[in-house]
Each structure stands twice: as C-alpha cells, then as structure tokens.
Amino acid sequence: MTYIVELEEGCWLAPWRGDPGRTTVEARAKTFPTRRSAVGALGQARRHREYREARIINKNSISWGPDSSLEFSESIRGDCIDW
C-alpha cells in the first residue's frame, strides 16, 4: 500500500525540507509505505502547525478500465479518525 498526507485542501506533505515541506501538486507528494509511517509524518508536521483538516490518503486504487479507478481516503482530525 502507498499513502500520502494532505495537510490542508490542495496542500500535500512533500519529500523536501521545510516546516514541513509542502506542495500544491499531488503527484509530488511524499509517499509512505505504511499508514503508520504516514501518521508519524503527520505527527511531525503538526509540531509546526495544527493541520486540523489533515487526511491520510491510501493511493492504492482498484481499476476496472483505462479511465476508472477507486481511491480510498480517511481524515484524521486531532485524535479522531473519520472513515
């Protein structure tokens, strides 16, 4: 599985340095091999800013054809997870 972190709408955790490193291009978002590593990275990012609307996105998709895919996501707000 591959995960990415959306810090705010249209703002993704990026693989470069920053406080934390961010990008507005989803394709450039840092990828994580496990949900646990993505949650850990979000925790590190929250040392700099609150990011109350942050989401962990599971980038694995199920494809039924060349133009169709299904993407799964979950939102993490504080200590609560929305499924």
PDB file of N, CA and C in Angstrom:
ATOM      1  N   MET A   1       0.840  -1.184   0.000  1.00  0.00           N
ATOM      2  CA  MET A   1       0.000   0.000   0.000  1.00  0.00           C
ATOM      3  C   MET A   1       0.882   1.243   0.000  1.00  0.00           C
ATOM      4  N   THR A   2       0.367   2.294  -0.581  1.00  0.00           N
ATOM      5  CA  THR A   2       1.074   3.566  -0.620  1.00  0.00           C
ATOM      6  C   THR A   2       0.151   4.650  -0.081  1.00  0.00           C
ATOM      7  N   TYR A   3       0.697   5.495   0.790  1.00  0.00           N
ATOM      8  CA  TYR A   3      -0.082   6.548   1.422  1.00  0.00           C
ATOM      9  C   TYR A   3       0.566   7.905   1.176  1.00  0.00           C
ATOM     10  N   ILE A   4      -0.260   8.951   1.147  1.00  0.00           N
ATOM     11  CA  ILE A   4       0.210  10.332   1.107  1.00  0.00           C
ATOM     12  C   ILE A   4      -0.570  11.117   2.157  1.00  0.00           C
ATOM     13  N   VAL A   5      -0.059  12.293   2.520  1.00  0.00           N
ATOM     14  CA  VAL A   5      -0.688  13.118   3.548  1.00  0.00           C
ATOM     15  C   VAL A   5      -1.122  14.439   2.931  1.00  0.00           C
ATOM     16  N   GLU A   6      -2.430  14.720   2.981  1.00  0.00           N
ATOM     17  CA  GLU A   6      -2.949  16.022   2.577  1.00  0.00           C
ATOM     18  C   GLU A   6      -3.070  16.854   3.848  1.00  0.00           C
ATOM     19  N   LEU A   7      -2.235  17.882   3.964  1.00  0.00           N
ATOM     20  CA  LEU A   7      -2.212  18.707   5.174  1.00  0.00           C
ATOM     21  C   LEU A   7      -3.422  19.622   5.262  1.00  0.00           C
ATOM     22  N   GLU A   8      -3.774  20.218   4.146  1.00  0.00           N
ATOM     23  CA  GLU A   8      -4.945  21.084   4.006  1.00  0.00           C
ATOM     24  C   GLU A   8      -5.460  20.844   2.600  1.00  0.00           C
ATOM     25  N   GLU A   9      -6.628  21.346   2.307  1.00  0.00           N
ATOM     26  CA  GLU A   9      -7.166  21.153   0.964  1.00  0.00           C
ATOM     27  C   GLU A   9      -6.177  21.686  -0.073  1.00  0.00           C
ATOM     28  N   GLY A  10      -5.727  20.788  -0.957  1.00  0.00           N
ATOM     29  CA  GLY A  10      -4.821  21.175  -2.026  1.00  0.00           C
ATOM     30  C   GLY A  10      -3.376  21.378  -1.608  1.00  0.00           C
ATOM     31  N   CYS A  11      -3.008  20.968  -0.399  1.00  0.00           N
ATOM     32  CA  CYS A  11      -1.638  21.131   0.110  1.00  0.00           C
ATOM     33  C   CYS A  11      -1.161  19.793   0.678  1.00  0.00           C
ATOM     34  N   TRP A  12      -0.113  19.237   0.079  1.00  0.00           N
ATOM     35  CA  TRP A  12       0.352  17.894   0.394  1.00  0.00           C
ATOM     36  C   TRP A  12       1.714  17.933   1.066  1.00  0.00           C
ATOM     37  N   LEU A  13       1.980  16.972   1.935  1.00  0.00           N
ATOM     38  CA  LEU A  13       3.296  16.807   2.533  1.00  0.00           C
ATOM     39  C   LEU A  13       4.259  16.389   1.420  1.00  0.00           C
ATOM     40  N   ALA A  14       5.395  17.084   1.328  1.00  0.00           N
ATOM     41  CA  ALA A  14       6.353  16.861   0.241  1.00  0.00           C
ATOM     42  C   ALA A  14       7.635  16.220   0.771  1.00  0.00           C
ATOM     43  N   PRO A  15       8.435  15.621  -0.119  1.00  0.00           N
ATOM     44  CA  PRO A  15       9.650  14.938   0.325  1.00  0.00           C
ATOM     45  C   PRO A  15      10.849  15.845   0.565  1.00  0.00           C
ATOM     46  N   TRP A  16      10.704  17.138   0.399  1.00  0.00           N
ATOM     47  CA  TRP A  16      11.837  18.033   0.634  1.00  0.00           C
ATOM     48  C   TRP A  16      11.731  18.711   1.985  1.00  0.00           C
ATOM     49  N   ARG A  17      12.804  19.408   2.368  1.00  0.00           N
ATOM     50  CA  ARG A  17      12.858  20.080   3.674  1.00  0.00           C
ATOM     51  C   ARG A  17      11.913  21.267   3.731  1.00  0.00           C
ATOM     52  N   GLY A  18      11.471  21.570   4.912  1.00  0.00           N
ATOM     53  CA  GLY A  18      10.582  22.702   5.147  1.00  0.00           C
ATOM     54  C   GLY A  18      10.063  22.601   6.570  1.00  0.00           C
ATOM     55  N   ASP A  19       8.992  23.307   6.822  1.00  0.00           N
ATOM     56  CA  ASP A  19       8.437  23.289   8.180  1.00  0.00           C
ATOM     57  C   ASP A  19       6.946  22.960   8.160  1.00  0.00           C
ATOM     58  N   PRO A  20       6.499  21.896   7.642  1.00  0.00           N
ATOM     59  CA  PRO A  20       7.188  20.848   6.887  1.00  0.00           C
ATOM     60  C   PRO A  20       7.246  21.178   5.397  1.00  0.00           C
ATOM     61  N   GLY A  21       7.954  20.354   4.619  1.00  0.00           N
ATOM     62  CA  GLY A  21       7.965  20.508   3.167  1.00  0.00           C
ATOM     63  C   GLY A  21       6.561  20.290   2.620  1.00  0.00           C
ATOM     64  N   ARG A  22       6.102  21.192   1.760  1.00  0.00           N
ATOM     65  CA  ARG A  22       4.733  21.120   1.227  1.00  0.00           C
ATOM     66  C   ARG A  22       4.733  21.339  -0.271  1.00  0.00           C
ATOM     67  N   THR A  23       3.688  20.838  -0.923  1.00  0.00           N
ATOM     68  CA  THR A  23       3.499  21.045  -2.341  1.00  0.00           C
ATOM     69  C   THR A  23       2.013  21.188  -2.627  1.00  0.00           C
ATOM     70  N   THR A  24       1.694  21.905  -3.691  1.00  0.00           N
ATOM     71  CA  THR A  24       0.304  22.008  -4.134  1.00  0.00           C
ATOM     72  C   THR A  24       0.034  21.042  -5.289  1.00  0.00           C
ATOM     73  N   VAL A  25       1.021  20.226  -5.644  1.00  0.00           N
ATOM     74  CA  VAL A  25       0.896  19.249  -6.727  1.00  0.00           C
ATOM     75  C   VAL A  25       0.851  17.845  -6.103  1.00  0.00           C
ATOM     76  N   GLU A  26      -0.308  17.226  -6.149  1.00  0.00           N
ATOM     77  CA  GLU A  26      -0.483  15.916  -5.514  1.00  0.00           C
ATOM     78  C   GLU A  26       0.535  14.892  -6.022  1.00  0.00           C
ATOM     79  N   ALA A  27       0.859  14.926  -7.283  1.00  0.00           N
ATOM     80  CA  ALA A  27       1.806  13.965  -7.856  1.00  0.00           C
ATOM     81  C   ALA A  27       3.203  14.094  -7.247  1.00  0.00           C
ATOM     82  N   ARG A  28       3.506  15.229  -6.626  1.00  0.00           N
ATOM     83  CA  ARG A  28       4.810  15.441  -5.997  1.00  0.00           C
ATOM     84  C   ARG A  28       4.796  15.173  -4.493  1.00  0.00           C
ATOM     85  N   ALA A  29       3.656  14.738  -3.978  1.00  0.00           N
ATOM     86  CA  ALA A  29       3.540  14.458  -2.544  1.00  0.00           C
ATOM     87  C   ALA A  29       4.458  13.309  -2.143  1.00  0.00           C
ATOM     88  N   LYS A  30       4.968  13.384  -0.924  1.00  0.00           N
ATOM     89  CA  LYS A  30       5.803  12.312  -0.394  1.00  0.00           C
ATOM     90  C   LYS A  30       4.942  11.072  -0.186  1.00  0.00           C
ATOM     91  N   THR A  31       5.457   9.922  -0.566  1.00  0.00           N
ATOM     92  CA  THR A  31       4.717   8.675  -0.385  1.00  0.00           C
ATOM     93  C   THR A  31       5.291   7.896   0.797  1.00  0.00           C
ATOM     94  N   PHE A  32       4.405   7.157   1.450  1.00  0.00           N
ATOM     95  CA  PHE A  32       4.764   6.365   2.620  1.00  0.00           C
ATOM     96  C   PHE A  32       4.324   4.927   2.383  1.00  0.00           C
ATOM     97  N   PRO A  33       5.150   3.950   2.763  1.00  0.00           N
ATOM     98  CA  PRO A  33       4.813   2.548   2.503  1.00  0.00           C
ATOM     99  C   PRO A  33       3.744   1.987   3.435  1.00  0.00           C
ATOM    100  N   THR A  34       3.557   2.623   4.597  1.00  0.00           N
ATOM    101  CA  THR A  34       2.562   2.133   5.552  1.00  0.00           C
ATOM    102  C   THR A  34       1.746   3.304   6.096  1.00  0.00           C
ATOM    103  N   ARG A  35       0.551   2.983   6.562  1.00  0.00           N
ATOM    104  CA  ARG A  35      -0.288   4.006   7.183  1.00  0.00           C
ATOM    105  C   ARG A  35       0.410   4.547   8.428  1.00  0.00           C
ATOM    106  N   ARG A  36       1.047   3.665   9.167  1.00  0.00           N
ATOM    107  CA  ARG A  36       1.738   4.066  10.392  1.00  0.00           C
ATOM    108  C   ARG A  36       2.815   5.119  10.098  1.00  0.00           C
ATOM    109  N   SER A  37       3.578   4.943   9.021  1.00  0.00           N
ATOM    110  CA  SER A  37       4.624   5.919   8.688  1.00  0.00           C
ATOM    111  C   SER A  37       4.011   7.253   8.258  1.00  0.00           C
ATOM    112  N   ALA A  38       2.868   7.204   7.575  1.00  0.00           N
ATOM    113  CA  ALA A  38       2.186   8.444   7.175  1.00  0.00           C
ATOM    114  C   ALA A  38       1.656   9.188   8.404  1.00  0.00           C
ATOM    115  N   VAL A  39       1.079   8.447   9.354  1.00  0.00           N
ATOM    116  CA  VAL A  39       0.588   9.061  10.586  1.00  0.00           C
ATOM    117  C   VAL A  39       1.752   9.670  11.369  1.00  0.00           C
ATOM    118  N   GLY A  40       2.883   8.984  11.398  1.00  0.00           N
ATOM    119  CA  GLY A  40       4.069   9.515  12.073  1.00  0.00           C
ATOM    120  C   GLY A  40       4.552  10.810  11.436  1.00  0.00           C
ATOM    121  N   ALA A  41       4.552  10.849  10.099  1.00  0.00           N
ATOM    122  CA  ALA A  41       4.969  12.062   9.393  1.00  0.00           C
ATOM    123  C   ALA A  41       3.997  13.204   9.668  1.00  0.00           C
ATOM    124  N   LEU A  42       2.700  12.898   9.737  1.00  0.00           N
ATOM    125  CA  LEU A  42       1.712  13.926  10.065  1.00  0.00           C
ATOM    126  C   LEU A  42       1.961  14.445  11.481  1.00  0.00           C
ATOM    127  N   GLY A  43       2.291  13.564  12.394  1.00  0.00           N
ATOM    128  CA  GLY A  43       2.618  13.985  13.756  1.00  0.00           C
ATOM    129  C   GLY A  43       3.797  14.942  13.780  1.00  0.00           C
ATOM    130  N   GLN A  44       4.828  14.654  12.979  1.00  0.00           N
ATOM    131  CA  GLN A  44       5.982  15.540  12.880  1.00  0.00           C
ATOM    132  C   GLN A  44       5.570  16.887  12.292  1.00  0.00           C
ATOM    133  N   ALA A  45       4.725  16.869  11.265  1.00  0.00           N
ATOM    134  CA  ALA A  45       4.258  18.116  10.639  1.00  0.00           C
ATOM    135  C   ALA A  45       3.469  18.958  11.640  1.00  0.00           C
ATOM    136  N   ARG A  46       2.721  18.302  12.503  1.00  0.00           N
ATOM    137  CA  ARG A  46       1.903  19.013  13.486  1.00  0.00           C
ATOM    138  C   ARG A  46       2.741  19.656  14.592  1.00  0.00           C
ATOM    139  N   ARG A  47       4.021  19.393  14.614  1.00  0.00           N
ATOM    140  CA  ARG A  47       4.893  20.107  15.553  1.00  0.00           C
ATOM    141  C   ARG A  47       5.057  21.564  15.115  1.00  0.00           C
ATOM    142  N   HIS A  48       4.816  21.828  13.841  1.00  0.00           N
ATOM    143  CA  HIS A  48       4.976  23.174  13.282  1.00  0.00           C
ATOM    144  C   HIS A  48       3.646  23.921  13.154  1.00  0.00           C
ATOM    145  N   ARG A  49       2.598  23.190  12.770  1.00  0.00           N
ATOM    146  CA  ARG A  49       1.262  23.772  12.592  1.00  0.00           C
ATOM    147  C   ARG A  49       0.222  22.731  12.983  1.00  0.00           C
ATOM    148  N   GLU A  50      -0.990  23.175  13.259  1.00  0.00           N
ATOM    149  CA  GLU A  50      -2.025  22.274  13.759  1.00  0.00           C
ATOM    150  C   GLU A  50      -2.572  21.309  12.698  1.00  0.00           C
ATOM    151  N   TYR A  51      -2.808  21.765  11.487  1.00  0.00           N
ATOM    152  CA  TYR A  51      -3.352  20.944  10.398  1.00  0.00           C
ATOM    153  C   TYR A  51      -4.557  20.121  10.851  1.00  0.00           C
ATOM    154  N   ARG A  52      -5.575  20.811  11.326  1.00  0.00           N
ATOM    155  CA  ARG A  52      -6.773  20.141  11.850  1.00  0.00           C
ATOM    156  C   ARG A  52      -7.532  19.351  10.801  1.00  0.00           C
ATOM    157  N   GLU A  53      -7.428  19.741   9.538  1.00  0.00           N
ATOM    158  CA  GLU A  53      -8.174  19.061   8.472  1.00  0.00           C
ATOM    159  C   GLU A  53      -7.319  18.063   7.693  1.00  0.00           C
ATOM    160  N   ALA A  54      -6.180  17.664   8.226  1.00  0.00           N
ATOM    161  CA  ALA A  54      -5.272  16.757   7.525  1.00  0.00           C
ATOM    162  C   ALA A  54      -5.933  15.402   7.255  1.00  0.00           C
ATOM    163  N   ARG A  55      -5.531  14.803   6.128  1.00  0.00           N
ATOM    164  CA  ARG A  55      -6.059  13.485   5.744  1.00  0.00           C
ATOM    165  C   ARG A  55      -4.912  12.578   5.321  1.00  0.00           C
ATOM    166  N   ILE A  56      -5.030  11.305   5.673  1.00  0.00           N
ATOM    167  CA  ILE A  56      -4.130  10.273   5.173  1.00  0.00           C
ATOM    168  C   ILE A  56      -4.860   9.619   3.998  1.00  0.00           C
ATOM    169  N   ILE A  57      -4.231   9.606   2.838  1.00  0.00           N
ATOM    170  CA  ILE A  57      -4.853   9.058   1.631  1.00  0.00           C
ATOM    171  C   ILE A  57      -4.163   7.755   1.249  1.00  0.00           C
ATOM    172  N   ASN A  58      -4.932   6.701   1.086  1.00  0.00           N
ATOM    173  CA  ASN A  58      -4.423   5.426   0.585  1.00  0.00           C
ATOM    174  C   ASN A  58      -4.457   5.526  -0.939  1.00  0.00           C
ATOM    175  N   LYS A  59      -3.294   5.556  -1.577  1.00  0.00           N
ATOM    176  CA  LYS A  59      -3.221   5.761  -3.022  1.00  0.00           C
ATOM    177  C   LYS A  59      -3.414   4.492  -3.832  1.00  0.00           C
ATOM    178  N   ASN A  60      -3.598   3.354  -3.177  1.00  0.00           N
ATOM    179  CA  ASN A  60      -3.883   2.139  -3.937  1.00  0.00           C
ATOM    180  C   ASN A  60      -5.241   2.294  -4.572  1.00  0.00           C
ATOM    181  N   SER A  61      -5.331   1.956  -5.800  1.00  0.00           N
ATOM    182  CA  SER A  61      -6.612   2.094  -6.478  1.00  0.00           C
ATOM    183  C   SER A  61      -6.987   0.780  -7.134  1.00  0.00           C
ATOM    184  N   ILE A  62      -8.273   0.607  -7.300  1.00  0.00           N
ATOM    185  CA  ILE A  62      -8.813  -0.555  -7.998  1.00  0.00           C
ATOM    186  C   ILE A  62      -9.253  -0.057  -9.354  1.00  0.00           C
ATOM    187  N   SER A  63      -8.758  -0.662 -10.391  1.00  0.00           N
ATOM    188  CA  SER A  63      -9.059  -0.182 -11.735  1.00  0.00           C
ATOM    189  C   SER A  63      -9.889  -1.205 -12.491  1.00  0.00           C
ATOM    190  N   TRP A  64     -10.980  -0.738 -13.118  1.00  0.00           N
ATOM    191  CA  TRP A  64     -11.823  -1.597 -13.931  1.00  0.00           C
ATOM    192  C   TRP A  64     -11.639  -1.310 -15.415  1.00  0.00           C
ATOM    193  N   GLY A  65     -10.857  -0.350 -15.729  1.00  0.00           N
ATOM    194  CA  GLY A  65     -10.625   0.009 -17.126  1.00  0.00           C
ATOM    195  C   GLY A  65      -9.629   1.136 -17.191  1.00  0.00           C
ATOM    196  N   PRO A  66      -9.302   1.596 -18.386  1.00  0.00           N
ATOM    197  CA  PRO A  66      -8.257   2.607 -18.519  1.00  0.00           C
ATOM    198  C   PRO A  66      -8.594   3.950 -17.880  1.00  0.00           C
ATOM    199  N   ASP A  67      -9.874   4.275 -17.711  1.00  0.00           N
ATOM    200  CA  ASP A  67     -10.247   5.590 -17.193  1.00  0.00           C
ATOM    201  C   ASP A  67     -10.966   5.531 -15.858  1.00  0.00           C
ATOM    202  N   SER A  68     -11.050   4.355 -15.245  1.00  0.00           N
ATOM    203  CA  SER A  68     -11.802   4.271 -13.991  1.00  0.00           C
ATOM    204  C   SER A  68     -10.914   3.765 -12.867  1.00  0.00           C
ATOM    205  N   SER A  69     -11.021   4.409 -11.721  1.00  0.00           N
ATOM    206  CA  SER A  69     -10.306   3.942 -10.543  1.00  0.00           C
ATOM    207  C   SER A  69     -11.075   4.362  -9.310  1.00  0.00           C
ATOM    208  N   LEU A  70     -10.805   3.697  -8.224  1.00  0.00           N
ATOM    209  CA  LEU A  70     -11.436   3.996  -6.948  1.00  0.00           C
ATOM    210  C   LEU A  70     -10.331   4.325  -5.968  1.00  0.00           C
ATOM    211  N   GLU A  71     -10.436   5.462  -5.305  1.00  0.00           N
ATOM    212  CA  GLU A  71      -9.413   5.891  -4.346  1.00  0.00           C
ATOM    213  C   GLU A  71     -10.022   5.904  -2.958  1.00  0.00           C
ATOM    214  N   PHE A  72      -9.270   5.415  -1.980  1.00  0.00           N
ATOM    215  CA  PHE A  72      -9.722   5.379  -0.600  1.00  0.00           C
ATOM    216  C   PHE A  72      -9.014   6.462   0.190  1.00  0.00           C
ATOM    217  N   SER A  73      -9.714   7.076   1.123  1.00  0.00           N
ATOM    218  CA  SER A  73      -9.069   8.065   1.985  1.00  0.00           C
ATOM    219  C   SER A  73      -9.703   8.030   3.362  1.00  0.00           C
ATOM    220  N   GLU A  74      -8.991   8.559   4.307  1.00  0.00           N
ATOM    221  CA  GLU A  74      -9.511   8.728   5.656  1.00  0.00           C
ATOM    222  C   GLU A  74      -9.024  10.075   6.165  1.00  0.00           C
ATOM    223  N   SER A  75      -9.824  10.726   6.944  1.00  0.00           N
ATOM    224  CA  SER A  75      -9.446  12.015   7.504  1.00  0.00           C
ATOM    225  C   SER A  75      -9.031  11.827   8.948  1.00  0.00           C
ATOM    226  N   ILE A  76      -7.974  12.530   9.339  1.00  0.00           N
ATOM    227  CA  ILE A  76      -7.529  12.489  10.725  1.00  0.00           C
ATOM    228  C   ILE A  76      -7.603  13.897  11.277  1.00  0.00           C
ATOM    229  N   ARG A  77      -8.458  14.112  12.239  1.00  0.00           N
ATOM    230  CA  ARG A  77      -8.628  15.405  12.873  1.00  0.00           C
ATOM    231  C   ARG A  77      -8.365  15.229  14.356  1.00  0.00           C
ATOM    232  N   GLY A  78      -7.290  15.783  14.815  1.00  0.00           N
ATOM    233  CA  GLY A  78      -6.932  15.612  16.219  1.00  0.00           C
ATOM    234  C   GLY A  78      -6.679  14.142  16.510  1.00  0.00           C
ATOM    235  N   ASP A  79      -7.369  13.584  17.488  1.00  0.00           N
ATOM    236  CA  ASP A  79      -7.204  12.170  17.810  1.00  0.00           C
ATOM    237  C   ASP A  79      -8.293  11.322  17.191  1.00  0.00           C
ATOM    238  N   CYS A  80      -9.124  11.912  16.340  1.00  0.00           N
ATOM    239  CA  CYS A  80     -10.278  11.228  15.774  1.00  0.00           C
ATOM    240  C   CYS A  80     -10.005  10.866  14.317  1.00  0.00           C
ATOM    241  N   ILE A  81     -10.403   9.686  13.911  1.00  0.00           N
ATOM    242  CA  ILE A  81     -10.265   9.255  12.525  1.00  0.00           C
ATOM    243  C   ILE A  81     -11.661   9.142  11.918  1.00  0.00           C
ATOM    244  N   ASP A  82     -11.923   9.834  10.795  1.00  0.00           N
ATOM    245  CA  ASP A  82     -13.172   9.704  10.051  1.00  0.00           C
ATOM    246  C   ASP A  82     -12.941   8.699   8.934  1.00  0.00           C
ATOM    247  N   TRP A  83     -13.763   7.703   8.840  1.00  0.00           N
ATOM    248  CA  TRP A  83     -13.637   6.707   7.772  1.00  0.00           C
ATOM    249  C   TRP A  83     -14.577   7.022   6.663  1.00  0.00           C
TER     250      TRP A  83
END
